[in-house]
Amino acid sequence: RYRVFRQGELVEEVTDLSALWRDDLVTFLIGCSFSFEE
């Protein structure tokens, strides 16, 4: 599930970004605490 923000405001949650995708978007992945739960 994804969250979409416009002008800093949450506008919707979606499960597919295909219709929203833009060629100028850069993806960052950041470590998550779920990994150390194991």
Full PDB file with SEQRES, HELIX, SHEET, SSBOND, CRYST1, ORIGX, SCALE, CONECT and MASTER records, all heavy atoms in Angstrom:
SEQRES   1 A   38  ARG TYR ARG VAL PHE ARG GLN GLY GLU LEU VAL GLU GLU          
SEQRES   2 A   38  VAL THR ASP LEU SER ALA LEU TRP ARG ASP ASP LEU VAL          
SEQRES   3 A   38  THR PHE LEU ILE GLY CYS SER PHE SER PHE GLU GLU              
HELIX    1 AA1 SER A   18  LEU A   20  5                                   3    
HELIX    2 AA2 PHE A   34  GLU A   37  1                                   4    
SHEET    1 AA1 2 TYR A   2  ARG A   6  0                                        
SHEET    2 AA1 2 GLU A   9  VAL A  14 -1                                        
CRYST1    1.000    1.000    1.000  90.00  90.00  90.00 P 1           1          
ORIGX1      1.000000  0.000000  0.000000        0.00000                         
ORIGX2      0.000000  1.000000  0.000000        0.00000                         
ORIGX3      0.000000  0.000000  1.000000        0.00000                         
SCALE1      1.000000  0.000000  0.000000        0.00000                         
SCALE2      0.000000  1.000000  0.000000        0.00000                         
SCALE3      0.000000  0.000000  1.000000        0.00000                         
ATOM      1  N   ARG A   1       0.845  -1.197   0.000  1.00  0.00           N  
ATOM      2  CA  ARG A   1       0.000   0.000   0.000  1.00  0.00           C  
ATOM      3  C   ARG A   1       0.881   1.247   0.000  1.00  0.00           C  
ATOM      4  O   ARG A   1       1.928   1.265   0.642  1.00  0.00           O  
ATOM      5  CB  ARG A   1      -0.924   0.000   1.216  1.00  0.00           C  
ATOM      6  CG  ARG A   1      -1.983   1.092   1.220  1.00  0.00           C  
ATOM      7  CD  ARG A   1      -2.956   0.888   2.381  1.00  0.00           C  
ATOM      8  NE  ARG A   1      -3.748  -0.325   2.197  1.00  0.00           N  
ATOM      9  CZ  ARG A   1      -4.855  -0.396   1.472  1.00  0.00           C  
ATOM     10  NH1 ARG A   1      -5.324   0.692   0.871  1.00  0.00           N  
ATOM     11  NH2 ARG A   1      -5.505  -1.536   1.359  1.00  0.00           N  
ATOM     12  N   TYR A   2       0.444   2.270  -0.735  1.00  0.00           N  
ATOM     13  CA  TYR A   2       1.192   3.513  -0.876  1.00  0.00           C  
ATOM     14  C   TYR A   2       0.351   4.696  -0.397  1.00  0.00           C  
ATOM     15  O   TYR A   2      -0.878   4.660  -0.448  1.00  0.00           O  
ATOM     16  CB  TYR A   2       1.552   3.763  -2.348  1.00  0.00           C  
ATOM     17  CG  TYR A   2       2.276   2.656  -3.046  1.00  0.00           C  
ATOM     18  CD1 TYR A   2       1.572   1.597  -3.630  1.00  0.00           C  
ATOM     19  CD2 TYR A   2       3.663   2.669  -3.151  1.00  0.00           C  
ATOM     20  CE1 TYR A   2       2.243   0.581  -4.301  1.00  0.00           C  
ATOM     21  CE2 TYR A   2       4.336   1.663  -3.832  1.00  0.00           C  
ATOM     22  CZ  TYR A   2       3.623   0.612  -4.395  1.00  0.00           C  
ATOM     23  OH  TYR A   2       4.286  -0.392  -5.057  1.00  0.00           O  
ATOM     24  N   ARG A   3       1.057   5.766   0.002  1.00  0.00           N  
ATOM     25  CA  ARG A   3       0.406   7.034   0.307  1.00  0.00           C  
ATOM     26  C   ARG A   3       0.842   8.088  -0.699  1.00  0.00           C  
ATOM     27  O   ARG A   3       2.034   8.198  -1.000  1.00  0.00           O  
ATOM     28  CB  ARG A   3       0.743   7.491   1.724  1.00  0.00           C  
ATOM     29  CG  ARG A   3      -0.023   6.733   2.799  1.00  0.00           C  
ATOM     30  CD  ARG A   3       0.204   7.323   4.169  1.00  0.00           C  
ATOM     31  NE  ARG A   3      -0.821   6.875   5.100  1.00  0.00           N  
ATOM     32  CZ  ARG A   3      -0.959   7.311   6.346  1.00  0.00           C  
ATOM     33  NH1 ARG A   3      -0.109   8.234   6.820  1.00  0.00           N  
ATOM     34  NH2 ARG A   3      -1.926   6.872   7.105  1.00  0.00           N  
ATOM     35  N   VAL A   4      -0.098   8.866  -1.186  1.00  0.00           N  
ATOM     36  CA  VAL A   4       0.165   9.902  -2.183  1.00  0.00           C  
ATOM     37  C   VAL A   4      -0.072  11.268  -1.534  1.00  0.00           C  
ATOM     38  O   VAL A   4      -1.118  11.490  -0.905  1.00  0.00           O  
ATOM     39  CB  VAL A   4      -0.746   9.731  -3.409  1.00  0.00           C  
ATOM     40  CG1 VAL A   4      -0.455  10.811  -4.450  1.00  0.00           C  
ATOM     41  CG2 VAL A   4      -0.569   8.335  -4.010  1.00  0.00           C  
ATOM     42  N   PHE A   5       0.914  12.161  -1.669  1.00  0.00           N  
ATOM     43  CA  PHE A   5       0.852  13.493  -1.079  1.00  0.00           C  
ATOM     44  C   PHE A   5       0.918  14.548  -2.180  1.00  0.00           C  
ATOM     45  O   PHE A   5       1.691  14.418  -3.129  1.00  0.00           O  
ATOM     46  CB  PHE A   5       2.030  13.726  -0.121  1.00  0.00           C  
ATOM     47  CG  PHE A   5       2.038  12.813   1.076  1.00  0.00           C  
ATOM     48  CD1 PHE A   5       2.557  11.522   0.988  1.00  0.00           C  
ATOM     49  CD2 PHE A   5       1.546  13.241   2.299  1.00  0.00           C  
ATOM     50  CE1 PHE A   5       2.570  10.678   2.088  1.00  0.00           C  
ATOM     51  CE2 PHE A   5       1.559  12.414   3.408  1.00  0.00           C  
ATOM     52  CZ  PHE A   5       2.072  11.128   3.302  1.00  0.00           C  
ATOM     53  N   ARG A   6       0.124  15.601  -2.025  1.00  0.00           N  
ATOM     54  CA  ARG A   6       0.192  16.774  -2.902  1.00  0.00           C  
ATOM     55  C   ARG A   6       0.232  18.018  -2.016  1.00  0.00           C  
ATOM     56  O   ARG A   6      -0.581  18.147  -1.105  1.00  0.00           O  
ATOM     57  CB  ARG A   6      -1.002  16.821  -3.862  1.00  0.00           C  
ATOM     58  CG  ARG A   6      -1.027  15.640  -4.840  1.00  0.00           C  
ATOM     59  CD  ARG A   6      -2.160  15.782  -5.856  1.00  0.00           C  
ATOM     60  NE  ARG A   6      -2.291  14.587  -6.678  1.00  0.00           N  
ATOM     61  CZ  ARG A   6      -1.580  14.322  -7.772  1.00  0.00           C  
ATOM     62  NH1 ARG A   6      -0.677  15.201  -8.193  1.00  0.00           N  
ATOM     63  NH2 ARG A   6      -1.768  13.207  -8.470  1.00  0.00           N  
ATOM     64  N   GLN A   7       1.210  18.875  -2.282  1.00  0.00           N  
ATOM     65  CA  GLN A   7       1.421  20.085  -1.472  1.00  0.00           C  
ATOM     66  C   GLN A   7       1.526  19.745   0.015  1.00  0.00           C  
ATOM     67  O   GLN A   7       1.073  20.496   0.877  1.00  0.00           O  
ATOM     68  CB  GLN A   7       0.285  21.089  -1.706  1.00  0.00           C  
ATOM     69  CG  GLN A   7       0.045  21.447  -3.162  1.00  0.00           C  
ATOM     70  CD  GLN A   7       1.278  22.046  -3.846  1.00  0.00           C  
ATOM     71  OE1 GLN A   7       2.088  22.708  -3.216  1.00  0.00           O  
ATOM     72  NE2 GLN A   7       1.421  21.802  -5.153  1.00  0.00           N  
ATOM     73  N   GLY A   8       2.137  18.593   0.310  1.00  0.00           N  
ATOM     74  CA  GLY A   8       2.350  18.187   1.690  1.00  0.00           C  
ATOM     75  C   GLY A   8       1.167  17.535   2.361  1.00  0.00           C  
ATOM     76  O   GLY A   8       1.265  17.128   3.524  1.00  0.00           O  
ATOM     77  N   GLU A   9       0.042  17.399   1.676  1.00  0.00           N  
ATOM     78  CA  GLU A   9      -1.163  16.821   2.265  1.00  0.00           C  
ATOM     79  C   GLU A   9      -1.415  15.421   1.702  1.00  0.00           C  
ATOM     80  O   GLU A   9      -1.310  15.202   0.486  1.00  0.00           O  
ATOM     81  CB  GLU A   9      -2.375  17.708   1.985  1.00  0.00           C  
ATOM     82  CG  GLU A   9      -2.270  19.113   2.578  1.00  0.00           C  
ATOM     83  CD  GLU A   9      -2.276  19.112   4.088  1.00  0.00           C  
ATOM     84  OE1 GLU A   9      -2.900  18.203   4.682  1.00  0.00           O  
ATOM     85  OE2 GLU A   9      -1.661  20.021   4.683  1.00  0.00           O  
ATOM     86  N   LEU A  10      -1.734  14.484   2.597  1.00  0.00           N  
ATOM     87  CA  LEU A  10      -2.117  13.147   2.157  1.00  0.00           C  
ATOM     88  C   LEU A  10      -3.438  13.227   1.413  1.00  0.00           C  
ATOM     89  O   LEU A  10      -4.438  13.693   1.957  1.00  0.00           O  
ATOM     90  CB  LEU A  10      -2.241  12.219   3.369  1.00  0.00           C  
ATOM     91  CG  LEU A  10      -2.774  10.810   3.100  1.00  0.00           C  
ATOM     92  CD1 LEU A  10      -1.822  10.030   2.203  1.00  0.00           C  
ATOM     93  CD2 LEU A  10      -2.992  10.075   4.425  1.00  0.00           C  
ATOM     94  N   VAL A  11      -3.444  12.780   0.162  1.00  0.00           N  
ATOM     95  CA  VAL A  11      -4.669  12.869  -0.637  1.00  0.00           C  
ATOM     96  C   VAL A  11      -5.300  11.514  -0.913  1.00  0.00           C  
ATOM     97  O   VAL A  11      -6.506  11.439  -1.148  1.00  0.00           O  
ATOM     98  CB  VAL A  11      -4.416  13.614  -1.973  1.00  0.00           C  
ATOM     99  CG1 VAL A  11      -4.064  15.065  -1.712  1.00  0.00           C  
ATOM    100  CG2 VAL A  11      -3.325  12.929  -2.810  1.00  0.00           C  
ATOM    101  N   GLU A  12      -4.514  10.435  -0.885  1.00  0.00           N  
ATOM    102  CA  GLU A  12      -5.102   9.114  -1.098  1.00  0.00           C  
ATOM    103  C   GLU A  12      -4.110   8.018  -0.748  1.00  0.00           C  
ATOM    104  O   GLU A  12      -2.901   8.243  -0.668  1.00  0.00           O  
ATOM    105  CB  GLU A  12      -5.558   8.940  -2.553  1.00  0.00           C  
ATOM    106  CG  GLU A  12      -4.454   9.035  -3.592  1.00  0.00           C  
ATOM    107  CD  GLU A  12      -4.976   8.844  -5.007  1.00  0.00           C  
ATOM    108  OE1 GLU A  12      -5.953   8.073  -5.204  1.00  0.00           O  
ATOM    109  OE2 GLU A  12      -4.406   9.447  -5.935  1.00  0.00           O  
ATOM    110  N   GLU A  13      -4.663   6.818  -0.502  1.00  0.00           N  
ATOM    111  CA  GLU A  13      -3.869   5.603  -0.387  1.00  0.00           C  
ATOM    112  C   GLU A  13      -4.256   4.698  -1.544  1.00  0.00           C  
ATOM    113  O   GLU A  13      -5.439   4.550  -1.855  1.00  0.00           O  
ATOM    114  CB  GLU A  13      -4.106   4.896   0.950  1.00  0.00           C  
ATOM    115  CG  GLU A  13      -3.446   5.564   2.125  1.00  0.00           C  
ATOM    116  CD  GLU A  13      -3.356   4.660   3.350  1.00  0.00           C  
ATOM    117  OE1 GLU A  13      -3.819   3.499   3.289  1.00  0.00           O  
ATOM    118  OE2 GLU A  13      -2.796   5.110   4.375  1.00  0.00           O  
ATOM    119  N   VAL A  14      -3.245   4.097  -2.178  1.00  0.00           N  
ATOM    120  CA  VAL A  14      -3.477   3.238  -3.334  1.00  0.00           C  
ATOM    121  C   VAL A  14      -2.612   1.985  -3.213  1.00  0.00           C  
ATOM    122  O   VAL A  14      -1.676   1.928  -2.413  1.00  0.00           O  
ATOM    123  CB  VAL A  14      -3.160   3.983  -4.659  1.00  0.00           C  
ATOM    124  CG1 VAL A  14      -4.051   5.200  -4.823  1.00  0.00           C  
ATOM    125  CG2 VAL A  14      -1.691   4.388  -4.716  1.00  0.00           C  
ATOM    126  N   THR A  15      -2.920   0.995  -4.030  1.00  0.00           N  
ATOM    127  CA  THR A  15      -2.117  -0.224  -4.069  1.00  0.00           C  
ATOM    128  C   THR A  15      -1.352  -0.361  -5.377  1.00  0.00           C  
ATOM    129  O   THR A  15      -0.641  -1.353  -5.570  1.00  0.00           O  
ATOM    130  CB  THR A  15      -3.009  -1.463  -3.868  1.00  0.00           C  
ATOM    131  OG1 THR A  15      -4.038  -1.477  -4.869  1.00  0.00           O  
ATOM    132  CG2 THR A  15      -3.660  -1.448  -2.483  1.00  0.00           C  
ATOM    133  N   ASP A  16      -1.460   0.617  -6.256  1.00  0.00           N  
ATOM    134  CA  ASP A  16      -0.780   0.584  -7.555  1.00  0.00           C  
ATOM    135  C   ASP A  16      -0.502   2.026  -7.988  1.00  0.00           C  
ATOM    136  O   ASP A  16      -1.410   2.856  -8.015  1.00  0.00           O  
ATOM    137  CB  ASP A  16      -1.670  -0.121  -8.585  1.00  0.00           C  
ATOM    138  CG  ASP A  16      -0.971  -0.395  -9.903  1.00  0.00           C  
ATOM    139  OD1 ASP A  16      -0.151   0.447 -10.337  1.00  0.00           O  
ATOM    140  OD2 ASP A  16      -1.248  -1.434 -10.523  1.00  0.00           O  
ATOM    141  N   LEU A  17       0.762   2.307  -8.313  1.00  0.00           N  
ATOM    142  CA  LEU A  17       1.167   3.663  -8.692  1.00  0.00           C  
ATOM    143  C   LEU A  17       1.244   3.878 -10.201  1.00  0.00           C  
ATOM    144  O   LEU A  17       1.620   4.966 -10.646  1.00  0.00           O  
ATOM    145  CB  LEU A  17       2.543   3.983  -8.099  1.00  0.00           C  
ATOM    146  CG  LEU A  17       2.676   3.987  -6.581  1.00  0.00           C  
ATOM    147  CD1 LEU A  17       4.143   4.192  -6.189  1.00  0.00           C  
ATOM    148  CD2 LEU A  17       1.796   5.053  -5.955  1.00  0.00           C  
ATOM    149  N   SER A  18       0.908   2.871 -10.972  1.00  0.00           N  
ATOM    150  CA  SER A  18       1.153   2.939 -12.416  1.00  0.00           C  
ATOM    151  C   SER A  18       0.522   4.168 -13.055  1.00  0.00           C  
ATOM    152  O   SER A  18       1.138   4.837 -13.895  1.00  0.00           O  
ATOM    153  CB  SER A  18       0.631   1.666 -13.093  1.00  0.00           C  
ATOM    154  OG  SER A  18       1.301   0.518 -12.596  1.00  0.00           O  
ATOM    155  N   ALA A  19      -0.689   4.500 -12.661  1.00  0.00           N  
ATOM    156  CA  ALA A  19      -1.382   5.629 -13.270  1.00  0.00           C  
ATOM    157  C   ALA A  19      -0.833   6.971 -12.808  1.00  0.00           C  
ATOM    158  O   ALA A  19      -1.085   8.000 -13.442  1.00  0.00           O  
ATOM    159  CB  ALA A  19      -2.879   5.550 -12.956  1.00  0.00           C  
ATOM    160  N   LEU A  20      -0.045   6.975 -11.730  1.00  0.00           N  
ATOM    161  CA  LEU A  20       0.493   8.214 -11.160  1.00  0.00           C  
ATOM    162  C   LEU A  20       1.959   8.437 -11.501  1.00  0.00           C  
ATOM    163  O   LEU A  20       2.508   9.493 -11.190  1.00  0.00           O  
ATOM    164  CB  LEU A  20       0.335   8.184  -9.628  1.00  0.00           C  
ATOM    165  CG  LEU A  20      -1.087   8.115  -9.081  1.00  0.00           C  
ATOM    166  CD1 LEU A  20      -1.065   7.825  -7.593  1.00  0.00           C  
ATOM    167  CD2 LEU A  20      -1.828   9.416  -9.361  1.00  0.00           C  
ATOM    168  N   TRP A  21       2.593   7.468 -12.112  1.00  0.00           N  
ATOM    169  CA  TRP A  21       4.051   7.509 -12.262  1.00  0.00           C  
ATOM    170  C   TRP A  21       4.497   8.619 -13.194  1.00  0.00           C  
ATOM    171  O   TRP A  21       3.835   8.933 -14.190  1.00  0.00           O  
ATOM    172  CB  TRP A  21       4.578   6.165 -12.763  1.00  0.00           C  
ATOM    173  CG  TRP A  21       6.062   6.062 -12.611  1.00  0.00           C  
ATOM    174  CD1 TRP A  21       7.008   6.116 -13.584  1.00  0.00           C  
ATOM    175  CD2 TRP A  21       6.774   5.915 -11.379  1.00  0.00           C  
ATOM    176  NE1 TRP A  21       8.262   6.008 -13.052  1.00  0.00           N  
ATOM    177  CE2 TRP A  21       8.153   5.887 -11.686  1.00  0.00           C  
ATOM    178  CE3 TRP A  21       6.389   5.808 -10.038  1.00  0.00           C  
ATOM    179  CZ2 TRP A  21       9.139   5.751 -10.721  1.00  0.00           C  
ATOM    180  CZ3 TRP A  21       7.370   5.673  -9.076  1.00  0.00           C  
ATOM    181  CH2 TRP A  21       8.728   5.653  -9.418  1.00  0.00           C  
ATOM    182  N   ARG A  22       5.655   9.223 -12.848  1.00  0.00           N  
ATOM    183  CA  ARG A  22       6.259  10.282 -13.652  1.00  0.00           C  
ATOM    184  C   ARG A  22       7.732   9.958 -13.895  1.00  0.00           C  
ATOM    185  O   ARG A  22       8.375   9.334 -13.065  1.00  0.00           O  
ATOM    186  CB  ARG A  22       6.162  11.634 -12.930  1.00  0.00           C  
ATOM    187  CG  ARG A  22       4.777  12.083 -12.686  1.00  0.00           C  
ATOM    188  CD  ARG A  22       4.586  13.374 -11.920  1.00  0.00           C  
ATOM    189  NE  ARG A  22       5.747  14.095 -11.437  1.00  0.00           N  
ATOM    190  CZ  ARG A  22       5.673  15.176 -10.650  1.00  0.00           C  
ATOM    191  NH1 ARG A  22       4.486  15.646 -10.278  1.00  0.00           N  
ATOM    192  NH2 ARG A  22       6.764  15.797 -10.238  1.00  0.00           N  
ATOM    193  N   ASP A  23       8.250  10.420 -15.011  1.00  0.00           N  
ATOM    194  CA  ASP A  23       9.634  10.120 -15.378  1.00  0.00           C  
ATOM    195  C   ASP A  23      10.658  10.882 -14.553  1.00  0.00           C  
ATOM    196  O   ASP A  23      11.859  10.587 -14.635  1.00  0.00           O  
ATOM    197  CB  ASP A  23       9.858  10.411 -16.864  1.00  0.00           C  
ATOM    198  CG  ASP A  23       9.143   9.420 -17.766  1.00  0.00           C  
ATOM    199  OD1 ASP A  23       8.820   8.311 -17.282  1.00  0.00           O  
ATOM    200  OD2 ASP A  23       8.909   9.749 -18.941  1.00  0.00           O  
ATOM    201  N   ASP A  24      10.224  11.871 -13.753  1.00  0.00           N  
ATOM    202  CA  ASP A  24      11.181  12.630 -12.944  1.00  0.00           C  
ATOM    203  C   ASP A  24      11.232  12.145 -11.492  1.00  0.00           C  
ATOM    204  O   ASP A  24      11.890  12.767 -10.655  1.00  0.00           O  
ATOM    205  CB  ASP A  24      10.825  14.121 -12.959  1.00  0.00           C  
ATOM    206  CG  ASP A  24       9.536  14.428 -12.198  1.00  0.00           C  
ATOM    207  OD1 ASP A  24       8.625  13.567 -12.194  1.00  0.00           O  
ATOM    208  OD2 ASP A  24       9.445  15.518 -11.602  1.00  0.00           O  
ATOM    209  N   LEU A  25      10.597  11.018 -11.174  1.00  0.00           N  
ATOM    210  CA  LEU A  25      10.531  10.557  -9.791  1.00  0.00           C  
ATOM    211  C   LEU A  25      11.741   9.708  -9.427  1.00  0.00           C  
ATOM    212  O   LEU A  25      12.180   8.853 -10.215  1.00  0.00           O  
ATOM    213  CB  LEU A  25       9.245   9.763  -9.567  1.00  0.00           C  
ATOM    214  CG  LEU A  25       7.942  10.568  -9.720  1.00  0.00           C  
ATOM    215  CD1 LEU A  25       6.737   9.660  -9.554  1.00  0.00           C  
ATOM    216  CD2 LEU A  25       7.897  11.724  -8.720  1.00  0.00           C  
ATOM    217  N   VAL A  26      12.266   9.939  -8.222  1.00  0.00           N  
ATOM    218  CA  VAL A  26      13.429   9.202  -7.704  1.00  0.00           C  
ATOM    219  C   VAL A  26      13.007   8.443  -6.454  1.00  0.00           C  
ATOM    220  O   VAL A  26      12.415   9.025  -5.528  1.00  0.00           O  
ATOM    221  CB  VAL A  26      14.592  10.155  -7.374  1.00  0.00           C  
ATOM    222  CG1 VAL A  26      15.774   9.369  -6.805  1.00  0.00           C  
ATOM    223  CG2 VAL A  26      15.016  10.928  -8.619  1.00  0.00           C  
ATOM    224  N   THR A  27      13.328   7.161  -6.408  1.00  0.00           N  
ATOM    225  CA  THR A  27      12.947   6.297  -5.287  1.00  0.00           C  
ATOM    226  C   THR A  27      14.101   6.130  -4.309  1.00  0.00           C  
ATOM    227  O   THR A  27      15.240   5.880  -4.706  1.00  0.00           O  
ATOM    228  CB  THR A  27      12.520   4.909  -5.799  1.00  0.00           C  
ATOM    229  OG1 THR A  27      11.405   5.058  -6.682  1.00  0.00           O  
ATOM    230  CG2 THR A  27      12.133   3.996  -4.650  1.00  0.00           C  
ATOM    231  N   PHE A  28      13.786   6.262  -3.020  1.00  0.00           N  
ATOM    232  CA  PHE A  28      14.719   6.004  -1.931  1.00  0.00           C  
ATOM    233  C   PHE A  28      14.171   4.879  -1.065  1.00  0.00           C  
ATOM    234  O   PHE A  28      12.974   4.855  -0.752  1.00  0.00           O  
ATOM    235  CB  PHE A  28      14.892   7.254  -1.051  1.00  0.00           C  
ATOM    236  CG  PHE A  28      15.564   8.410  -1.726  1.00  0.00           C  
ATOM    237  CD1 PHE A  28      14.844   9.271  -2.545  1.00  0.00           C  
ATOM    238  CD2 PHE A  28      16.924   8.645  -1.542  1.00  0.00           C  
ATOM    239  CE1 PHE A  28      15.464  10.346  -3.165  1.00  0.00           C  
ATOM    240  CE2 PHE A  28      17.547   9.713  -2.158  1.00  0.00           C  
ATOM    241  CZ  PHE A  28      16.817  10.570  -2.968  1.00  0.00           C  
ATOM    242  N   LEU A  29      15.048   3.960  -0.662  1.00  0.00           N  
ATOM    243  CA  LEU A  29      14.676   2.891   0.270  1.00  0.00           C  
ATOM    244  C   LEU A  29      15.460   3.066   1.559  1.00  0.00           C  
ATOM    245  O   LEU A  29      16.676   3.262   1.539  1.00  0.00           O  
ATOM    246  CB  LEU A  29      14.941   1.518  -0.338  1.00  0.00           C  
ATOM    247  CG  LEU A  29      14.105   1.169  -1.577  1.00  0.00           C  
ATOM    248  CD1 LEU A  29      14.470  -0.223  -2.072  1.00  0.00           C  
ATOM    249  CD2 LEU A  29      12.614   1.262  -1.285  1.00  0.00           C  
ATOM    250  N   ILE A  30      14.760   2.990   2.668  1.00  0.00           N  
ATOM    251  CA  ILE A  30      15.308   3.280   3.991  1.00  0.00           C  
ATOM    252  C   ILE A  30      15.047   2.106   4.907  1.00  0.00           C  
ATOM    253  O   ILE A  30      13.968   1.497   4.880  1.00  0.00           O  
ATOM    254  CB  ILE A  30      14.653   4.578   4.541  1.00  0.00           C  
ATOM    255  CG1 ILE A  30      15.072   5.774   3.673  1.00  0.00           C  
ATOM    256  CG2 ILE A  30      15.014   4.811   6.005  1.00  0.00           C  
ATOM    257  CD1 ILE A  30      14.268   7.021   3.923  1.00  0.00           C  
ATOM    258  N   GLY A  31      16.033   1.766   5.741  1.00  0.00           N  
ATOM    259  CA  GLY A  31      15.927   0.624   6.638  1.00  0.00           C  
ATOM    260  C   GLY A  31      14.720   0.697   7.549  1.00  0.00           C  
ATOM    261  O   GLY A  31      14.260   1.770   7.929  1.00  0.00           O  
ATOM    262  N   CYS A  32      14.203  -0.468   7.931  1.00  0.00           N  
ATOM    263  CA  CYS A  32      12.964  -0.580   8.702  1.00  0.00           C  
ATOM    264  C   CYS A  32      13.187  -1.447   9.937  1.00  0.00           C  
ATOM    265  O   CYS A  32      13.900  -2.453   9.884  1.00  0.00           O  
ATOM    266  CB  CYS A  32      11.879  -1.198   7.819  1.00  0.00           C  
ATOM    267  SG  CYS A  32      10.390  -1.688   8.704  1.00  0.00           S  
ATOM    268  N   SER A  33      12.540  -1.062  11.029  1.00  0.00           N  
ATOM    269  CA  SER A  33      12.699  -1.804  12.288  1.00  0.00           C  
ATOM    270  C   SER A  33      12.158  -3.221  12.209  1.00  0.00           C  
ATOM    271  O   SER A  33      12.551  -4.070  13.011  1.00  0.00           O  
ATOM    272  CB  SER A  33      12.002  -1.055  13.429  1.00  0.00           C  
ATOM    273  OG  SER A  33      10.624  -0.893  13.171  1.00  0.00           O  
ATOM    274  N   PHE A  34      11.267  -3.514  11.250  1.00  0.00           N  
ATOM    275  CA  PHE A  34      10.783  -4.883  11.126  1.00  0.00           C  
ATOM    276  C   PHE A  34      11.936  -5.856  10.911  1.00  0.00           C  
ATOM    277  O   PHE A  34      11.851  -7.033  11.262  1.00  0.00           O  
ATOM    278  CB  PHE A  34       9.793  -5.000   9.961  1.00  0.00           C  
ATOM    279  CG  PHE A  34       8.463  -4.343  10.193  1.00  0.00           C  
ATOM    280  CD1 PHE A  34       7.532  -4.264   9.173  1.00  0.00           C  
ATOM    281  CD2 PHE A  34       8.134  -3.801  11.418  1.00  0.00           C  
ATOM    282  CE1 PHE A  34       6.299  -3.661   9.359  1.00  0.00           C  
ATOM    283  CE2 PHE A  34       6.902  -3.184  11.628  1.00  0.00           C  
ATOM    284  CZ  PHE A  34       5.984  -3.125  10.597  1.00  0.00           C  
ATOM    285  N   SER A  35      13.027  -5.385  10.335  1.00  0.00           N  
ATOM    286  CA  SER A  35      14.157  -6.274  10.041  1.00  0.00           C  
ATOM    287  C   SER A  35      14.854  -6.771  11.300  1.00  0.00           C  
ATOM    288  O   SER A  35      15.374  -7.890  11.322  1.00  0.00           O  
ATOM    289  CB  SER A  35      15.167  -5.554   9.139  1.00  0.00           C  
ATOM    290  OG  SER A  35      14.648  -5.359   7.845  1.00  0.00           O  
ATOM    291  N   PHE A  36      14.927  -5.955  12.358  1.00  0.00           N  
ATOM    292  CA  PHE A  36      15.610  -6.440  13.555  1.00  0.00           C  
ATOM    293  C   PHE A  36      14.681  -7.227  14.481  1.00  0.00           C  
ATOM    294  O   PHE A  36      15.139  -7.850  15.435  1.00  0.00           O  
ATOM    295  CB  PHE A  36      16.313  -5.315  14.317  1.00  0.00           C  
ATOM    296  CG  PHE A  36      15.441  -4.225  14.873  1.00  0.00           C  
ATOM    297  CD1 PHE A  36      14.472  -4.474  15.826  1.00  0.00           C  
ATOM    298  CD2 PHE A  36      15.622  -2.911  14.456  1.00  0.00           C  
ATOM    299  CE1 PHE A  36      13.690  -3.468  16.349  1.00  0.00           C  
ATOM    300  CE2 PHE A  36      14.839  -1.887  14.972  1.00  0.00           C  
ATOM    301  CZ  PHE A  36      13.865  -2.170  15.928  1.00  0.00           C  
ATOM    302  N   GLU A  37      13.370  -7.208  14.207  1.00  0.00           N  
ATOM    303  CA  GLU A  37      12.453  -7.973  15.054  1.00  0.00           C  
ATOM    304  C   GLU A  37      12.816  -9.453  15.058  1.00  0.00           C  
ATOM    305  O   GLU A  37      12.682 -10.138  16.084  1.00  0.00           O  
ATOM    306  CB  GLU A  37      11.011  -7.780  14.574  1.00  0.00           C  
ATOM    307  CG  GLU A  37      10.455  -6.397  14.848  1.00  0.00           C  
ATOM    308  CD  GLU A  37       9.045  -6.197  14.357  1.00  0.00           C  
ATOM    309  OE1 GLU A  37       8.599  -6.948  13.464  1.00  0.00           O  
ATOM    310  OE2 GLU A  37       8.380  -5.276  14.868  1.00  0.00           O  
ATOM    311  N   GLU A  38      13.294  -9.948  13.926  1.00  0.00           N  
ATOM    312  CA  GLU A  38      13.686 -11.362  13.840  1.00  0.00           C  
ATOM    313  C   GLU A  38      14.759 -11.703  14.863  1.00  0.00           C  
ATOM    314  O   GLU A  38      14.687 -12.735  15.535  1.00  0.00           O  
ATOM    315  CB  GLU A  38      14.191 -11.663  12.425  1.00  0.00           C  
ATOM    316  CG  GLU A  38      14.779 -13.056  12.272  1.00  0.00           C  
ATOM    317  CD  GLU A  38      15.499 -13.221  10.949  1.00  0.00           C  
ATOM    318  OE1 GLU A  38      15.486 -12.292  10.132  1.00  0.00           O  
ATOM    319  OE2 GLU A  38      16.087 -14.293  10.755  1.00  0.00           O  
TER     320      GLU A  38                                                      
MASTER        0    0    0    2    2    0    0    6  319    1    0    3          
END                                                                             
